[in-house]
Amino acid sequence: MRAWRRLRRRVLTPDISQTRCDVRGFHVKDEATRERLETVGGSFLAGFGEAAEARVVADVVAPLERLAPTWRGFAYEGAAMGLSIRDALPGRGGRVAEFLAGPGDPHVYMAYVGVGWAMARLPRFLWSRLYAPDPLLRWLVLDGYGFHQAYFRTGRYIEQRYREETFSWPGDDPGRYAVRAIDQGVGRASWFVVGADPDRLARLFAGFPERRRADLWAGAGLAATYAGGADEAGLERLRELSGSYRGDLAQGSAFAAGARVRAGLTVPHNEVATRVLCGLSTRDASAVTDDTRIGVAPANGFPAYEVWRQRIRNALVPIRNS
């Protein structure tokens, strides 16, 4: 059985070369940034591999907890993807539910994103087997889907600006918000595509239709804060170039702060990023996301998730402009 589990890991896990900037054709700003962004991908695949090989969900935890805090959240994201794919395949399911009820709970935001990666790799007829029960957080699944598509299908989603104007998941999306949630993931992936270069990012986003830019900038703010790749001067440049989308950039940064603080994975570059992009410490930016979540509900044709994002943005803009 151990040999079978190892074989399953080899078969299911993508080759780590697929996370290399030269293989992906991503811009390399400098070697330190390249190494950081590639380590993000490698950490994700490490988590995926553990989930692919695990006999039971509990087996995933120890290898992930050995990773440094900077990278651990990405490994939990990858593990959620791996467990989701296993749930979708023939046989018993319930692994993601068990994961989220136990060791994955502190990493719930990243786990939902990982479910979105699985969505991108599975045929649509299996999407019904994906586990994402929270009606507020399930939009993060589509963020993960968008990241995957822009990261692995860069020519179409980034260079050609492709957008799926209608999307079949979730089924109760009368306002067609799904495409906006996907764009947030495209914005996150764009930070990797441009090698964390703020000037290249701004030029890239300027080529997208105006109606998409707010969500793209929000995704970039999340990536710049959670994954890193820019020093304080680079983050100040990013804030400057965001222009009228500064509030969206700050909202994404606060989301990253919330994920880091909830999981207990705050590291120095998170503090620098939230101070520059939100005008707050990481803990205070996280508190904004918690406070604005209280009582959130659908309004004006928007799902609760978008109302939450608007509340965060509105709370941060006066702080960032003070």
Protein backbone atom coordinates (compact mmCIF):
# COMPACT_ATOMS: atom_id res chain seq x y z
CA MET A 1 0.00 0.00 0.00
CA ARG A 2 2.86 2.38 0.70
CA ALA A 3 4.24 1.77 -2.79
CA TRP A 4 0.80 2.47 -4.23
CA ARG A 5 0.55 5.75 -2.32
CA ARG A 6 3.95 6.83 -3.62
CA LEU A 7 2.91 5.96 -7.16
CA ARG A 8 -0.29 7.98 -6.71
CA ARG A 9 1.80 10.94 -5.62
CA ARG A 10 4.04 10.70 -8.68
CA VAL A 11 1.10 10.36 -11.05
CA LEU A 12 -1.02 13.17 -9.62
CA THR A 13 1.59 15.79 -8.68
CA PRO A 14 2.66 18.23 -11.41
CA ASP A 15 6.37 18.41 -12.13
CA ILE A 16 8.09 21.10 -10.07
CA SER A 17 9.69 22.47 -13.24
CA GLN A 18 6.27 23.91 -14.06
CA THR A 19 6.79 26.50 -11.31
CA ARG A 20 10.04 27.85 -12.78
CA CYS A 21 9.88 31.35 -14.18
CA ASP A 22 11.86 30.41 -17.29
CA VAL A 23 9.52 27.52 -18.04
CA ARG A 24 6.46 29.71 -17.53
CA GLY A 25 7.98 32.62 -19.47
CA PHE A 26 7.55 35.00 -16.53
CA HIS A 27 9.60 38.16 -16.14
CA VAL A 28 12.58 37.94 -13.77
CA LYS A 29 13.18 41.19 -11.92
CA ASP A 30 16.13 39.85 -9.96
CA GLU A 31 17.37 36.51 -8.68
CA ALA A 32 16.11 36.95 -5.12
CA THR A 33 12.58 37.61 -6.32
CA ARG A 34 12.74 34.74 -8.79
CA GLU A 35 13.79 32.40 -6.00
CA ARG A 36 10.97 33.63 -3.74
CA LEU A 37 8.25 33.23 -6.34
CA GLU A 38 9.50 29.81 -7.37
CA THR A 39 9.65 28.71 -3.74
CA VAL A 40 5.98 29.64 -3.44
CA GLY A 41 5.22 27.24 -6.27
CA GLY A 42 7.44 24.55 -4.85
CA SER A 43 5.78 24.83 -1.43
CA PHE A 44 2.36 24.51 -3.03
CA LEU A 45 3.42 21.34 -4.83
CA ALA A 46 4.93 19.96 -1.63
CA GLY A 47 1.54 20.27 0.04
CA PHE A 48 -0.21 18.78 -2.97
CA GLY A 49 2.17 15.84 -2.98
CA GLU A 50 1.61 15.11 0.70
CA ALA A 51 -2.15 15.12 0.13
CA ALA A 52 -1.82 12.87 -2.89
CA GLU A 53 0.21 10.33 -0.93
CA ALA A 54 -1.52 10.52 2.46
CA ARG A 55 -3.24 7.43 3.77
CA VAL A 56 -5.55 9.58 5.92
CA VAL A 57 -5.99 13.34 6.21
CA ALA A 58 -4.07 13.51 9.48
CA ASP A 59 -0.94 12.27 7.67
CA VAL A 60 -0.75 15.58 5.79
CA VAL A 61 -0.20 17.75 8.83
CA ALA A 62 3.30 16.95 10.13
CA PRO A 63 5.17 17.52 6.83
CA LEU A 64 3.36 20.83 6.29
CA GLU A 65 4.04 22.06 9.80
CA ARG A 66 7.76 21.53 9.27
CA LEU A 67 7.81 24.23 6.60
CA ALA A 68 8.81 27.78 7.51
CA PRO A 69 5.88 30.18 8.18
CA THR A 70 6.64 32.10 4.99
CA TRP A 71 5.79 29.06 2.86
CA ARG A 72 3.45 26.99 5.01
CA GLY A 73 0.21 28.61 3.85
CA PHE A 74 1.00 27.74 0.24
CA ALA A 75 1.53 24.13 1.23
CA TYR A 76 -1.87 24.02 2.92
CA GLU A 77 -3.36 25.51 -0.25
CA GLY A 78 -1.73 22.77 -2.30
CA ALA A 79 -2.91 20.12 0.14
CA ALA A 80 -6.50 21.31 -0.27
CA MET A 81 -6.13 20.97 -4.01
CA GLY A 82 -4.76 17.44 -3.69
CA LEU A 83 -7.50 16.35 -1.32
CA SER A 84 -10.14 17.90 -3.57
CA ILE A 85 -8.92 15.97 -6.58
CA ARG A 86 -8.91 12.75 -4.59
CA ASP A 87 -12.46 13.46 -3.41
CA ALA A 88 -13.58 13.99 -7.00
CA LEU A 89 -12.13 10.71 -8.23
CA PRO A 90 -14.04 7.42 -7.89
CA GLY A 91 -14.18 6.12 -4.35
CA ARG A 92 -14.94 7.66 -1.02
CA GLY A 93 -14.91 11.41 -0.54
CA GLY A 94 -15.06 13.66 2.50
CA ARG A 95 -11.35 14.41 2.78
CA VAL A 96 -11.67 18.18 2.31
CA ALA A 97 -14.56 18.31 4.79
CA GLU A 98 -12.39 16.50 7.34
CA PHE A 99 -9.44 18.77 6.51
CA LEU A 100 -11.45 21.96 7.01
CA ALA A 101 -13.00 20.66 10.22
CA GLY A 102 -9.54 19.94 11.61
CA PRO A 103 -6.01 21.01 10.62
CA GLY A 104 -7.11 23.08 7.65
CA ASP A 105 -9.41 25.36 9.64
CA PRO A 106 -6.77 28.02 10.47
CA HIS A 107 -5.88 28.01 6.76
CA VAL A 108 -9.47 28.10 5.51
CA TYR A 109 -8.92 31.01 3.11
CA MET A 110 -5.99 29.30 1.42
CA ALA A 111 -7.81 25.97 1.44
CA TYR A 112 -10.77 27.37 -0.48
CA VAL A 113 -8.34 28.80 -3.04
CA GLY A 114 -6.79 25.34 -3.32
CA VAL A 115 -10.21 23.87 -4.09
CA GLY A 116 -10.30 26.31 -7.01
CA TRP A 117 -7.04 24.90 -8.36
CA ALA A 118 -8.66 21.49 -8.33
CA MET A 119 -11.65 22.91 -10.19
CA ALA A 120 -9.32 24.07 -12.96
CA ARG A 121 -7.86 20.57 -13.33
CA LEU A 122 -11.13 18.62 -13.19
CA PRO A 123 -13.78 18.19 -15.89
CA ARG A 124 -16.90 20.20 -15.18
CA PHE A 125 -19.08 17.18 -14.56
CA LEU A 126 -17.00 16.52 -11.42
CA TRP A 127 -17.32 20.02 -9.97
CA SER A 128 -20.36 18.93 -7.99
CA ARG A 129 -18.01 16.78 -5.89
CA LEU A 130 -15.97 19.78 -4.76
CA TYR A 131 -16.50 20.78 -1.14
CA ALA A 132 -16.91 24.52 -0.52
CA PRO A 133 -19.93 24.91 1.76
CA ASP A 134 -19.45 28.45 3.06
CA PRO A 135 -21.56 30.81 0.88
CA LEU A 136 -19.28 33.73 1.72
CA LEU A 137 -15.90 32.09 1.24
CA ARG A 138 -16.82 29.94 -1.75
CA TRP A 139 -15.94 32.85 -4.05
CA LEU A 140 -12.32 32.20 -3.10
CA VAL A 141 -12.66 28.94 -5.03
CA LEU A 142 -13.09 31.01 -8.18
CA ASP A 143 -10.16 33.20 -7.18
CA GLY A 144 -8.08 30.00 -7.13
CA TYR A 145 -9.50 28.95 -10.48
CA GLY A 146 -8.57 32.32 -11.99
CA PHE A 147 -5.05 32.16 -10.58
CA HIS A 148 -4.53 28.70 -12.05
CA GLN A 149 -5.75 29.73 -15.48
CA ALA A 150 -3.63 32.87 -15.64
CA TYR A 151 -0.56 31.07 -14.27
CA PHE A 152 -0.72 28.05 -16.57
CA ARG A 153 -2.58 29.53 -19.55
CA THR A 154 -0.86 32.88 -19.50
CA GLY A 155 -1.05 33.50 -23.24
CA ARG A 156 -4.82 33.30 -23.25
CA TYR A 157 -5.75 34.81 -19.89
CA ILE A 158 -3.04 37.48 -19.63
CA GLU A 159 -1.77 38.32 -23.08
CA GLN A 160 -5.11 37.88 -24.87
CA ARG A 161 -7.15 39.18 -21.89
CA TYR A 162 -9.57 36.26 -22.19
CA ARG A 163 -12.54 36.29 -19.83
CA GLU A 164 -15.26 33.71 -19.36
CA GLU A 165 -18.25 36.05 -19.39
CA THR A 166 -20.58 33.33 -18.11
CA PHE A 167 -19.61 30.65 -15.65
CA SER A 168 -21.58 27.63 -14.51
CA TRP A 169 -20.39 27.59 -10.88
CA PRO A 170 -21.89 28.29 -8.43
CA GLY A 171 -25.40 27.67 -9.68
CA ASP A 172 -27.02 30.51 -7.71
CA ASP A 173 -25.19 33.49 -9.20
CA PRO A 174 -27.89 35.60 -10.85
CA GLY A 175 -25.66 38.68 -10.88
CA ARG A 176 -22.91 36.83 -12.75
CA TYR A 177 -20.38 37.75 -10.12
CA ALA A 178 -18.30 34.65 -10.81
CA VAL A 179 -16.27 36.32 -13.55
CA ARG A 180 -15.24 39.07 -11.14
CA ALA A 181 -14.07 36.57 -8.55
CA ILE A 182 -12.05 34.85 -11.28
CA ASP A 183 -10.48 38.19 -12.20
CA GLN A 184 -9.24 38.58 -8.63
CA GLY A 185 -7.30 35.36 -9.15
CA VAL A 186 -6.03 36.60 -12.50
CA GLY A 187 -4.76 39.71 -10.71
CA ARG A 188 -2.93 37.57 -8.13
CA ALA A 189 -1.28 35.48 -10.82
CA SER A 190 -0.28 38.63 -12.68
CA TRP A 191 2.04 39.51 -9.79
CA PHE A 192 3.94 36.30 -10.56
CA VAL A 193 3.81 36.80 -14.33
CA VAL A 194 5.49 40.22 -14.08
CA GLY A 195 8.00 38.98 -11.51
CA ALA A 196 6.69 41.34 -8.80
CA ASP A 197 7.64 44.37 -10.90
CA PRO A 198 5.15 47.20 -10.15
CA ASP A 199 5.77 49.10 -13.38
CA ARG A 200 5.22 46.04 -15.53
CA LEU A 201 2.10 45.22 -13.54
CA ALA A 202 0.61 48.67 -14.07
CA ARG A 203 1.28 48.50 -17.81
CA LEU A 204 -0.27 45.04 -17.93
CA PHE A 205 -3.45 46.08 -16.13
CA ALA A 206 -3.78 49.21 -18.27
CA GLY A 207 -4.29 46.88 -21.23
CA PHE A 208 -7.37 45.27 -19.66
CA PRO A 209 -10.85 46.78 -19.99
CA GLU A 210 -11.52 49.36 -17.28
CA ARG A 211 -14.39 47.32 -15.82
CA ARG A 212 -11.92 44.55 -14.88
CA ARG A 213 -9.15 46.62 -13.32
CA ALA A 214 -10.48 47.04 -9.78
CA ASP A 215 -10.61 43.27 -9.28
CA LEU A 216 -7.20 42.81 -10.88
CA TRP A 217 -5.61 45.38 -8.57
CA ALA A 218 -7.25 43.76 -5.55
CA GLY A 219 -5.74 40.42 -6.53
CA ALA A 220 -2.33 42.01 -6.95
CA GLY A 221 -2.56 43.58 -3.50
CA LEU A 222 -3.23 40.17 -2.01
CA ALA A 223 -0.29 38.56 -3.81
CA ALA A 224 2.14 41.39 -3.02
CA THR A 225 1.26 41.13 0.66
CA TYR A 226 0.93 37.37 1.13
CA ALA A 227 3.64 36.11 -1.23
CA GLY A 228 5.92 39.14 -1.24
CA GLY A 229 8.53 39.93 -3.86
CA ALA A 230 8.79 43.71 -3.48
CA ASP A 231 10.71 45.68 -0.87
CA GLU A 232 9.31 48.79 0.80
CA ALA A 233 10.28 51.05 -2.10
CA GLY A 234 8.69 48.63 -4.55
CA LEU A 235 5.48 48.51 -2.52
CA GLU A 236 5.36 52.30 -2.38
CA ARG A 237 5.75 52.32 -6.16
CA LEU A 238 2.95 49.78 -6.45
CA ARG A 239 0.68 51.96 -4.32
CA GLU A 240 1.55 55.03 -6.40
CA LEU A 241 0.85 53.27 -9.71
CA SER A 242 -2.49 51.90 -8.54
CA GLY A 243 -3.93 55.42 -8.76
CA SER A 244 -7.71 55.37 -8.43
CA TYR A 245 -7.55 51.65 -7.57
CA ARG A 246 -5.60 52.26 -4.37
CA GLY A 247 -8.59 51.20 -2.27
CA ASP A 248 -8.87 47.94 -4.21
CA LEU A 249 -5.15 47.29 -3.75
CA ALA A 250 -5.55 47.90 -0.01
CA GLN A 251 -8.57 45.58 0.17
CA GLY A 252 -6.55 42.74 -1.36
CA SER A 253 -3.68 43.46 1.02
CA ALA A 254 -6.07 43.28 3.99
CA PHE A 255 -7.38 39.93 2.76
CA ALA A 256 -3.81 38.63 2.79
CA ALA A 257 -3.33 39.99 6.29
CA GLY A 258 -6.47 38.19 7.43
CA ALA A 259 -5.25 34.90 6.02
CA ARG A 260 -1.80 35.26 7.57
CA VAL A 261 -3.04 36.30 11.00
CA ARG A 262 -5.74 33.62 11.20
CA ALA A 263 -3.15 30.94 10.43
CA GLY A 264 -0.50 32.41 12.75
CA LEU A 265 1.90 32.81 9.83
CA THR A 266 2.71 36.52 9.90
CA VAL A 267 6.26 37.27 8.73
CA PRO A 268 8.16 40.57 8.36
CA HIS A 269 7.30 41.27 4.73
CA ASN A 270 3.59 41.08 5.58
CA GLU A 271 4.07 43.89 8.08
CA VAL A 272 5.85 46.07 5.56
CA ALA A 273 3.21 45.43 2.90
CA THR A 274 0.17 46.18 5.05
CA ARG A 275 1.81 49.30 6.45
CA VAL A 276 2.49 50.61 2.95
CA LEU A 277 -0.68 49.43 1.21
CA CYS A 278 -3.23 49.66 4.05
CA GLY A 279 -1.62 52.16 6.42
CA LEU A 280 -2.01 49.60 9.21
CA SER A 281 -0.15 46.80 10.91
CA THR A 282 -0.90 43.31 9.70
CA ARG A 283 -2.94 42.57 12.82
CA ASP A 284 -4.97 45.78 12.49
CA ALA A 285 -5.58 45.17 8.78
CA SER A 286 -6.78 41.69 9.66
CA ALA A 287 -9.09 43.15 12.28
CA VAL A 288 -10.68 45.31 9.58
CA THR A 289 -11.55 42.18 7.61
CA ASP A 290 -13.05 40.58 10.73
CA ASP A 291 -15.04 43.63 11.79
CA THR A 292 -16.48 44.27 8.34
CA ARG A 293 -17.53 40.64 8.02
CA ILE A 294 -19.99 40.92 10.92
CA GLY A 295 -23.57 40.86 9.65
CA VAL A 296 -22.54 40.94 6.00
CA ALA A 297 -25.29 39.91 3.61
CA PRO A 298 -26.13 40.20 -0.10
CA ALA A 299 -27.16 43.70 -1.16
CA ASN A 300 -27.91 45.64 -4.34
CA GLY A 301 -27.54 42.56 -6.51
CA PHE A 302 -24.12 41.71 -5.11
CA PRO A 303 -23.29 38.56 -3.11
CA ALA A 304 -22.22 38.98 0.50
CA TYR A 305 -18.59 38.45 -0.54
CA GLU A 306 -18.57 41.58 -2.69
CA VAL A 307 -20.38 43.57 0.00
CA TRP A 308 -17.63 42.45 2.39
CA ARG A 309 -14.95 43.60 -0.04
CA GLN A 310 -16.65 46.98 -0.42
CA ARG A 311 -16.83 47.42 3.33
CA ILE A 312 -13.11 46.67 3.66
CA ARG A 313 -12.23 49.08 0.86
CA ASN A 314 -14.39 51.83 2.33
CA ALA A 315 -12.86 51.33 5.77
CA LEU A 316 -9.30 51.48 4.45
CA VAL A 317 -9.44 54.35 1.96
CA PRO A 318 -9.66 57.10 4.66
CA ILE A 319 -6.79 55.47 6.56
CA ARG A 320 -4.61 55.08 3.48
CA ASN A 321 -5.27 58.68 2.37
CA SER A 322 -4.64 60.22 5.80
